[in-house]
C-alpha atoms as a PDB file:
ATOM      1  CA  UNK A   1     -40.783  24.959  44.601  1.00  0.00           C
ATOM      2  CA  UNK A   2     -40.762  21.969  42.315  1.00  0.00           C
ATOM      3  CA  UNK A   3     -37.969  19.451  42.670  1.00  0.00           C
ATOM      4  CA  UNK A   4     -37.221  16.674  40.273  1.00  0.00           C
ATOM      5  CA  UNK A   5     -36.099  13.273  41.397  1.00  0.00           C
ATOM      6  CA  UNK A   6     -32.323  12.791  41.549  1.00  0.00           C
ATOM      7  CA  UNK A   7     -30.654  11.396  38.422  1.00  0.00           C
ATOM      8  CA  UNK A   8     -28.728   8.181  38.858  1.00  0.00           C
ATOM      9  CA  UNK A   9     -25.261   8.941  37.434  1.00  0.00           C
ATOM     10  CA  UNK A  10     -23.594   5.617  38.180  1.00  0.00           C
ATOM     11  CA  UNK A  11     -21.595   3.917  35.453  1.00  0.00           C
ATOM     12  CA  UNK A  12     -23.444   1.167  33.614  1.00  0.00           C
ATOM     13  CA  UNK A  13     -21.098  -0.624  31.226  1.00  0.00           C
ATOM     14  CA  UNK A  14     -22.463  -1.822  27.922  1.00  0.00           C
ATOM     15  CA  UNK A  15     -22.327  -5.435  26.958  1.00  0.00           C
ATOM     16  CA  UNK A  16     -19.093  -7.247  26.109  1.00  0.00           C
ATOM     17  CA  UNK A  17     -20.401  -7.616  22.564  1.00  0.00           C
ATOM     18  CA  UNK A  18     -20.480  -3.843  22.140  1.00  0.00           C
ATOM     19  CA  UNK A  19     -16.953  -3.593  23.578  1.00  0.00           C
ATOM     20  CA  UNK A  20     -15.787  -6.191  21.042  1.00  0.00           C
ATOM     21  CA  UNK A  21     -17.362  -4.251  18.190  1.00  0.00           C
ATOM     22  CA  UNK A  22     -15.583  -1.101  19.358  1.00  0.00           C
ATOM     23  CA  UNK A  23     -12.267  -2.981  19.486  1.00  0.00           C
ATOM     24  CA  UNK A  24     -12.712  -4.492  16.022  1.00  0.00           C
ATOM     25  CA  UNK A  25     -13.771  -1.145  14.571  1.00  0.00           C
ATOM     26  CA  UNK A  26     -10.768   0.571  16.126  1.00  0.00           C
ATOM     27  CA  UNK A  27      -8.454  -2.069  14.645  1.00  0.00           C
ATOM     28  CA  UNK A  28     -10.120  -1.646  11.244  1.00  0.00           C
ATOM     29  CA  UNK A  29      -9.481   2.084  11.537  1.00  0.00           C
ATOM     30  CA  UNK A  30      -5.799   1.490  12.205  1.00  0.00           C
ATOM     31  CA  UNK A  31      -5.419  -1.049   9.367  1.00  0.00           C
ATOM     32  CA  UNK A  32      -7.216   1.119   6.804  1.00  0.00           C
ATOM     33  CA  UNK A  33      -5.147   4.088   7.965  1.00  0.00           C
ATOM     34  CA  UNK A  34      -1.924   2.162   7.295  1.00  0.00           C
ATOM     35  CA  UNK A  35      -3.299   1.109   3.900  1.00  0.00           C
ATOM     36  CA  UNK A  36      -4.140   4.735   3.088  1.00  0.00           C
ATOM     37  CA  UNK A  37      -0.741   5.992   4.237  1.00  0.00           C
ATOM     38  CA  UNK A  38       0.983   3.407   2.036  1.00  0.00           C
ATOM     39  CA  UNK A  39      -1.093   4.642  -0.910  1.00  0.00           C
ATOM     40  CA  UNK A  40      -0.134   8.237  -0.105  1.00  0.00           C
ATOM     41  CA  UNK A  41       3.546   7.230   0.109  1.00  0.00           C
ATOM     42  CA  UNK A  42       3.394   5.474  -3.282  1.00  0.00           C
ATOM     43  CA  UNK A  43       1.562   8.443  -4.802  1.00  0.00           C
ATOM     44  CA  UNK A  44       4.170  10.852  -3.449  1.00  0.00           C
ATOM     45  CA  UNK A  45       7.056   8.721  -4.752  1.00  0.00           C
ATOM     46  CA  UNK A  46       5.512   8.504  -8.191  1.00  0.00           C
ATOM     47  CA  UNK A  47       4.883  12.249  -8.370  1.00  0.00           C
ATOM     48  CA  UNK A  48       8.469  12.988  -7.329  1.00  0.00           C
ATOM     49  CA  UNK A  49       9.812  10.500  -9.880  1.00  0.00           C
ATOM     50  CA  UNK A  50       7.981  12.364 -12.650  1.00  0.00           C
ATOM     51  CA  UNK A  51      10.602  15.117 -12.260  1.00  0.00           C
ATOM     52  CA  UNK A  52      13.630  12.802 -12.464  1.00  0.00           C
ATOM     53  CA  UNK A  53      16.056  13.206 -15.379  1.00  0.00           C
ATOM     54  CA  UNK A  54      16.577  10.352 -17.851  1.00  0.00           C
ATOM     55  CA  UNK A  55      19.550   8.538 -19.339  1.00  0.00           C
ATOM     56  CA  UNK A  56      19.800   5.661 -21.810  1.00  0.00           C
ATOM     57  CA  UNK A  57      20.188   2.172 -20.413  1.00  0.00           C
ATOM     58  CA  UNK A  58      20.356  -1.473 -21.479  1.00  0.00           C
ATOM     59  CA  UNK A  59      18.308  -4.424 -20.214  1.00  0.00           C
ATOM     60  CA  UNK A  60      20.764  -7.016 -18.843  1.00  0.00           C
ATOM     61  CA  UNK A  61      18.349  -9.680 -17.598  1.00  0.00           C
ATOM     62  CA  UNK A  62      14.656 -10.513 -17.461  1.00  0.00           C
ATOM     63  CA  UNK A  63      12.933 -13.252 -15.576  1.00  0.00           C
ATOM     64  CA  UNK A  64       9.426 -14.517 -14.988  1.00  0.00           C
ATOM     65  CA  UNK A  65       9.091 -16.035 -11.513  1.00  0.00           C
ATOM     66  CA  UNK A  66       6.320 -17.776  -9.690  1.00  0.00           C
ATOM     67  CA  UNK A  67       5.938 -15.864  -6.429  1.00  0.00           C
ATOM     68  CA  UNK A  68       3.884 -17.030  -3.458  1.00  0.00           C
ATOM     69  CA  UNK A  69       1.426 -14.187  -2.804  1.00  0.00           C
ATOM     70  CA  UNK A  70      -0.773 -15.827  -0.181  1.00  0.00           C
ATOM     71  CA  UNK A  71      -2.216 -19.039   1.162  1.00  0.00           C
ATOM     72  CA  UNK A  72      -5.551 -20.601   0.373  1.00  0.00           C
ATOM     73  CA  UNK A  73      -7.281 -23.593   1.811  1.00  0.00           C
ATOM     74  CA  UNK A  74     -10.618 -24.679   2.923  1.00  0.00           C
ATOM     75  CA  UNK A  75     -12.355 -27.070   5.208  1.00  0.00           C
ATOM     76  CA  UNK A  76     -11.964 -29.884   2.699  1.00  0.00           C
ATOM     77  CA  UNK A  77      -8.215 -29.785   2.096  1.00  0.00           C
ATOM     78  CA  UNK A  78      -4.827 -28.670   3.298  1.00  0.00           C
ATOM     79  CA  UNK A  79      -3.648 -25.100   2.812  1.00  0.00           C
ATOM     80  CA  UNK A  80      -2.065 -24.337  -0.561  1.00  0.00           C
ATOM     81  CA  UNK A  81       0.130 -21.501  -1.689  1.00  0.00           C
ATOM     82  CA  UNK A  82      -1.394 -18.882  -3.976  1.00  0.00           C
ATOM     83  CA  UNK A  83       1.119 -18.328  -6.752  1.00  0.00           C
ATOM     84  CA  UNK A  84       1.366 -15.406  -9.186  1.00  0.00           C
ATOM     85  CA  UNK A  85       3.657 -15.175 -12.201  1.00  0.00           C
ATOM     86  CA  UNK A  86       5.655 -11.952 -12.036  1.00  0.00           C
ATOM     87  CA  UNK A  87       8.152 -10.163 -14.252  1.00  0.00           C
ATOM     88  CA  UNK A  88      11.548  -9.046 -12.948  1.00  0.00           C
ATOM     89  CA  UNK A  89      14.085  -6.972 -14.862  1.00  0.00           C
ATOM     90  CA  UNK A  90      17.691  -5.868 -14.428  1.00  0.00           C
ATOM     91  CA  UNK A  91      19.253  -3.033 -16.387  1.00  0.00           C
ATOM     92  CA  UNK A  92      22.414  -0.961 -16.424  1.00  0.00           C
ATOM     93  CA  UNK A  93      22.863   2.763 -16.991  1.00  0.00           C
ATOM     94  CA  UNK A  94      25.504   5.432 -16.532  1.00  0.00           C
ATOM     95  CA  UNK A  95      25.234   8.770 -14.721  1.00  0.00           C
ATOM     96  CA  UNK A  96      28.214  11.165 -14.751  1.00  0.00           C
ATOM     97  CA  UNK A  97      30.473   8.371 -16.076  1.00  0.00           C
ATOM     98  CA  UNK A  98      29.574   6.098 -13.145  1.00  0.00           C
ATOM     99  CA  UNK A  99      27.870   2.778 -13.933  1.00  0.00           C
ATOM    100  CA  UNK A 100      24.708   1.784 -12.049  1.00  0.00           C
ATOM    101  CA  UNK A 101      22.366  -1.194 -12.025  1.00  0.00           C
ATOM    102  CA  UNK A 102      18.639  -1.023 -11.486  1.00  0.00           C
ATOM    103  CA  UNK A 103      15.790  -3.497 -11.149  1.00  0.00           C
ATOM    104  CA  UNK A 104      12.605  -1.485 -10.600  1.00  0.00           C
ATOM    105  CA  UNK A 105      10.053  -1.199 -13.359  1.00  0.00           C
ATOM    106  CA  UNK A 106       8.049   1.656 -11.834  1.00  0.00           C
ATOM    107  CA  UNK A 107       8.062   4.077  -8.944  1.00  0.00           C
ATOM    108  CA  UNK A 108       5.272   2.398  -6.975  1.00  0.00           C
ATOM    109  CA  UNK A 109       5.993  -1.333  -7.300  1.00  0.00           C
ATOM    110  CA  UNK A 110       8.897  -2.726  -5.289  1.00  0.00           C
ATOM    111  CA  UNK A 111       8.270  -6.257  -6.532  1.00  0.00           C
ATOM    112  CA  UNK A 112       7.808  -7.735  -9.968  1.00  0.00           C
ATOM    113  CA  UNK A 113       5.037  -6.638 -12.277  1.00  0.00           C
ATOM    114  CA  UNK A 114       1.959  -8.682 -13.121  1.00  0.00           C
ATOM    115  CA  UNK A 115       1.266  -9.568 -16.787  1.00  0.00           C
ATOM    116  CA  UNK A 116       4.836 -10.904 -17.103  1.00  0.00           C
ATOM    117  CA  UNK A 117       4.842 -11.887 -20.766  1.00  0.00           C
ATOM    118  CA  UNK A 118       3.694  -8.420 -21.834  1.00  0.00           C
ATOM    119  CA  UNK A 119       6.672  -6.927 -19.980  1.00  0.00           C
ATOM    120  CA  UNK A 120       9.084  -9.507 -21.390  1.00  0.00           C
ATOM    121  CA  UNK A 121       8.124  -8.407 -24.892  1.00  0.00           C
ATOM    122  CA  UNK A 122       8.506  -4.736 -23.930  1.00  0.00           C
ATOM    123  CA  UNK A 123      11.912  -5.228 -22.256  1.00  0.00           C
ATOM    124  CA  UNK A 124      13.972  -7.854 -24.143  1.00  0.00           C
ATOM    125  CA  UNK A 125      17.496  -8.641 -22.908  1.00  0.00           C
ATOM    126  CA  UNK A 126      19.947  -6.342 -24.685  1.00  0.00           C
ATOM    127  CA  UNK A 127      17.206  -3.853 -25.526  1.00  0.00           C
ATOM    128  CA  UNK A 128      17.641  -0.115 -25.086  1.00  0.00           C
ATOM    129  CA  UNK A 129      15.568   1.552 -22.372  1.00  0.00           C
ATOM    130  CA  UNK A 130      15.093   5.033 -20.983  1.00  0.00           C
ATOM    131  CA  UNK A 131      16.005   5.075 -17.302  1.00  0.00           C
ATOM    132  CA  UNK A 132      14.526   7.698 -14.949  1.00  0.00           C
ATOM    133  CA  UNK A 133      16.933   8.264 -12.051  1.00  0.00           C
ATOM    134  CA  UNK A 134      16.914  10.284  -8.853  1.00  0.00           C
ATOM    135  CA  UNK A 135      19.517  13.026  -9.357  1.00  0.00           C
ATOM    136  CA  UNK A 136      20.310  13.165  -5.621  1.00  0.00           C
ATOM    137  CA  UNK A 137      20.631   9.344  -5.399  1.00  0.00           C
ATOM    138  CA  UNK A 138      21.460   7.999  -8.902  1.00  0.00           C
ATOM    139  CA  UNK A 139      21.282   4.378  -7.721  1.00  0.00           C
ATOM    140  CA  UNK A 140      17.517   4.867  -7.376  1.00  0.00           C
ATOM    141  CA  UNK A 141      15.993   4.393 -10.820  1.00  0.00           C
ATOM    142  CA  UNK A 142      12.884   3.173 -12.648  1.00  0.00           C
ATOM    143  CA  UNK A 143      11.914   2.410 -16.218  1.00  0.00           C
ATOM    144  CA  UNK A 144       8.324   3.665 -16.135  1.00  0.00           C
ATOM    145  CA  UNK A 145       6.483   6.375 -14.273  1.00  0.00           C
ATOM    146  CA  UNK A 146       2.788   5.652 -14.696  1.00  0.00           C
ATOM    147  CA  UNK A 147       0.213   8.141 -13.530  1.00  0.00           C
ATOM    148  CA  UNK A 148      -0.464   6.955  -9.938  1.00  0.00           C
ATOM    149  CA  UNK A 149      -4.257   6.891 -10.027  1.00  0.00           C
ATOM    150  CA  UNK A 150      -4.485   3.593  -8.141  1.00  0.00           C
ATOM    151  CA  UNK A 151      -2.170   4.889  -5.395  1.00  0.00           C
ATOM    152  CA  UNK A 152      -4.141   8.111  -5.107  1.00  0.00           C
ATOM    153  CA  UNK A 153      -7.456   6.241  -4.832  1.00  0.00           C
ATOM    154  CA  UNK A 154      -5.947   3.836  -2.272  1.00  0.00           C
ATOM    155  CA  UNK A 155      -4.741   6.794  -0.209  1.00  0.00           C
ATOM    156  CA  UNK A 156      -8.097   8.583  -0.323  1.00  0.00           C
ATOM    157  CA  UNK A 157     -10.183   5.475   0.375  1.00  0.00           C
ATOM    158  CA  UNK A 158      -7.902   4.194   3.128  1.00  0.00           C
ATOM    159  CA  UNK A 159      -7.650   7.496   4.947  1.00  0.00           C
ATOM    160  CA  UNK A 160     -11.379   8.261   4.652  1.00  0.00           C
ATOM    161  CA  UNK A 161     -12.365   4.816   5.912  1.00  0.00           C
ATOM    162  CA  UNK A 162      -9.819   5.060   8.697  1.00  0.00           C
ATOM    163  CA  UNK A 163     -11.257   8.406   9.757  1.00  0.00           C
ATOM    164  CA  UNK A 164     -14.792   7.043   9.738  1.00  0.00           C
ATOM    165  CA  UNK A 165     -13.876   3.904  11.704  1.00  0.00           C
ATOM    166  CA  UNK A 166     -11.859   5.815  14.278  1.00  0.00           C
ATOM    167  CA  UNK A 167     -14.503   8.547  14.633  1.00  0.00           C
ATOM    168  CA  UNK A 168     -17.217   5.957  15.212  1.00  0.00           C
ATOM    169  CA  UNK A 169     -14.954   4.162  17.683  1.00  0.00           C
ATOM    170  CA  UNK A 170     -14.371   7.374  19.643  1.00  0.00           C
ATOM    171  CA  UNK A 171     -18.139   8.004  19.850  1.00  0.00           C
ATOM    172  CA  UNK A 172     -18.761   4.475  21.041  1.00  0.00           C
ATOM    173  CA  UNK A 173     -15.912   4.601  23.586  1.00  0.00           C
ATOM    174  CA  UNK A 174     -17.331   7.822  24.992  1.00  0.00           C
ATOM    175  CA  UNK A 175     -20.669   6.076  25.236  1.00  0.00           C
ATOM    176  CA  UNK A 176     -19.020   3.226  27.177  1.00  0.00           C
ATOM    177  CA  UNK A 177     -17.374   5.506  29.719  1.00  0.00           C
ATOM    178  CA  UNK A 178     -20.130   8.056  30.316  1.00  0.00           C
ATOM    179  CA  UNK A 179     -23.017   7.390  32.668  1.00  0.00           C
ATOM    180  CA  UNK A 180     -26.472   6.844  31.212  1.00  0.00           C
ATOM    181  CA  UNK A 181     -29.006   9.568  31.937  1.00  0.00           C
END
């Protein structure tokens, strides 16, 4: 009878570098998953808003603000704020004889819109607008409901990347905890 030598099944951990890569990849999977879920949430909101009824409204105020959207800085100088010019609007409308005020331009953006001067021309103070409102919560309203292609792509890309990162991480973690043969 032929016998083979015994197999050493003791745990041999991989290097710390590999463990760090697994950790970073796992974190990337979580971050891209959150990014994808936010895209899916925005897509869902926009698709639901497409069914909302409309009422006439009036623009009561517009404003272009300089918002801090990040920080930049390099080795040669102090950090500086990254500033973007954004458009904000306020409008009033009436649903079932009750007055409401709104400030959202579209169903996906909670903050002001980029290209502020284009929006200022489109929505002058005192101008008539069509307001899309949520019939079950009339205080929730928007002026535009664009087709949410960007949100859909963000959801797909984020969730696919998250799945890939987390799948790779699970393979690598299994490789870290199983004995070498």
